[in-house]
Amino acid sequence: MFIYSGMTLNYFMEDYLYIFILAVVTFVLSILLRALTVTALQGALLLAYSITEGGIIPAVLAGLQILITILTLYKIFKAINMNYLLVLEKTHEISPNLITDEHRGSRFSFWNTK
């Protein structure tokens, strides 16, 4: 049983193991994308998982977690595509679309890809 300062994750990890794994993977991917709001939301969901003990609330949180994971995976694929297009533009294989601005394709967060 995992206990951290009085809160337990044992219930959620036993009944919703795959959702918990999705939560941890989504947390790491949101850090990779530098999406601070999604990282904070994911941290709040992980905290909520440790507080809830039963009823309908864990099922609602699990559904919310699946939606956030799907959205994060979509944003990861968009960031990979943007990076590929950026490489093509910088090697002059396609006409410039992303590097027309003054930032030349660099950005702080990859969450807001086109």
Protein backbone atom coordinates (compact mmCIF):
# COMPACT_ATOMS: atom_id res chain seq x y z
CA MET A 1 0.00 0.00 0.00
CA PHE A 2 1.36 3.40 -1.01
CA ILE A 3 0.83 5.99 1.71
CA TYR A 4 2.02 9.56 1.41
CA SER A 5 1.20 12.00 4.22
CA GLY A 6 -2.05 10.29 5.17
CA MET A 7 -3.44 9.88 1.65
CA THR A 8 -3.69 6.46 0.08
CA LEU A 9 -3.55 5.44 -3.56
CA ASN A 10 -4.23 1.80 -2.80
CA TYR A 11 -7.94 1.83 -3.72
CA PHE A 12 -7.46 3.58 -7.02
CA MET A 13 -4.42 1.53 -8.00
CA GLU A 14 -6.27 -1.73 -7.34
CA ASP A 15 -9.54 -0.92 -9.10
CA TYR A 16 -8.34 1.48 -11.83
CA LEU A 17 -4.77 0.33 -12.46
CA TYR A 18 -4.74 1.11 -16.19
CA ILE A 19 -6.27 4.54 -15.63
CA PHE A 20 -3.58 5.26 -13.04
CA ILE A 21 -0.90 4.24 -15.55
CA LEU A 22 -2.52 6.54 -18.13
CA ALA A 23 -2.47 9.34 -15.57
CA VAL A 24 1.24 8.97 -14.93
CA VAL A 25 2.06 8.73 -18.65
CA THR A 26 -0.11 11.77 -19.41
CA PHE A 27 1.60 13.68 -16.60
CA VAL A 28 5.01 12.96 -18.13
CA LEU A 29 3.85 13.80 -21.66
CA SER A 30 2.38 17.12 -20.51
CA ILE A 31 5.74 17.99 -18.97
CA LEU A 32 7.39 17.04 -22.27
CA LEU A 33 5.00 19.34 -24.16
CA ARG A 34 5.65 22.11 -21.60
CA ALA A 35 1.92 22.49 -21.08
CA LEU A 36 1.83 24.00 -17.62
CA THR A 37 -1.96 24.09 -17.27
CA VAL A 38 -2.34 20.46 -18.33
CA THR A 39 0.46 19.46 -15.97
CA ALA A 40 -1.28 21.27 -13.10
CA LEU A 41 -4.62 19.68 -14.05
CA GLN A 42 -2.99 16.26 -14.19
CA GLY A 43 -1.38 16.81 -10.79
CA ALA A 44 -4.77 17.81 -9.37
CA LEU A 45 -6.33 14.66 -10.84
CA LEU A 46 -3.61 12.50 -9.30
CA LEU A 47 -4.28 14.18 -5.97
CA ALA A 48 -8.02 13.63 -6.41
CA TYR A 49 -7.38 9.95 -7.14
CA SER A 50 -5.59 9.62 -3.82
CA ILE A 51 -8.42 11.26 -1.88
CA THR A 52 -11.44 9.43 -3.35
CA GLU A 53 -12.35 6.05 -1.90
CA GLY A 54 -15.41 4.86 -3.78
CA GLY A 55 -18.73 5.68 -5.35
CA ILE A 56 -19.23 7.33 -8.71
CA ILE A 57 -16.51 9.94 -8.35
CA PRO A 58 -13.61 7.60 -9.33
CA ALA A 59 -15.53 6.54 -12.45
CA VAL A 60 -16.08 10.18 -13.45
CA LEU A 61 -12.41 10.94 -12.79
CA ALA A 62 -11.42 7.91 -14.88
CA GLY A 63 -13.54 9.17 -17.80
CA LEU A 64 -11.99 12.61 -17.47
CA GLN A 65 -8.55 11.02 -17.39
CA ILE A 66 -9.22 9.10 -20.61
CA LEU A 67 -10.31 12.33 -22.36
CA ILE A 68 -7.22 14.22 -21.18
CA THR A 69 -4.98 11.34 -22.29
CA ILE A 70 -6.53 11.27 -25.77
CA LEU A 71 -6.14 15.04 -26.10
CA THR A 72 -2.52 14.88 -24.93
CA LEU A 73 -1.69 12.10 -27.39
CA TYR A 74 -3.28 14.15 -30.18
CA LYS A 75 -1.15 17.15 -29.20
CA ILE A 76 1.99 14.95 -29.13
CA PHE A 77 1.29 13.76 -32.67
CA LYS A 78 0.66 17.36 -33.78
CA ALA A 79 3.98 18.46 -32.23
CA ILE A 80 5.81 15.61 -33.98
CA ASN A 81 4.22 16.61 -37.29
CA MET A 82 5.12 20.26 -36.71
CA ASN A 83 8.72 19.29 -35.99
CA TYR A 84 8.86 17.22 -39.18
CA LEU A 85 7.45 20.11 -41.24
CA LEU A 86 9.91 22.48 -39.61
CA VAL A 87 12.82 20.26 -40.63
CA LEU A 88 11.45 20.12 -44.19
CA GLU A 89 11.15 23.92 -44.28
CA LYS A 90 14.63 24.53 -42.91
CA THR A 91 16.16 22.18 -45.48
CA HIS A 92 14.20 23.99 -48.23
CA GLU A 93 12.27 20.90 -49.30
CA ILE A 94 8.90 22.67 -48.91
CA SER A 95 7.94 26.34 -48.98
CA PRO A 96 8.22 28.14 -45.62
CA ASN A 97 5.06 28.29 -43.54
CA LEU A 98 6.25 27.92 -39.96
CA ILE A 99 9.44 29.96 -40.19
CA THR A 100 7.92 33.10 -41.70
CA ASP A 101 7.66 34.77 -38.26
CA GLU A 102 10.60 36.21 -36.39
CA HIS A 103 10.81 33.21 -34.03
CA ARG A 104 11.93 30.91 -36.86
CA GLY A 105 9.85 27.98 -35.67
CA SER A 106 10.97 27.96 -32.04
CA ARG A 107 8.39 28.10 -29.27
CA PHE A 108 8.15 27.63 -25.52
CA SER A 109 5.21 25.24 -25.45
CA PHE A 110 4.31 22.65 -28.06
CA TRP A 111 0.73 22.47 -26.76
CA ASN A 112 -0.40 25.25 -29.11
CA THR A 113 0.62 23.69 -32.41
CA LYS A 114 -1.33 24.49 -35.55
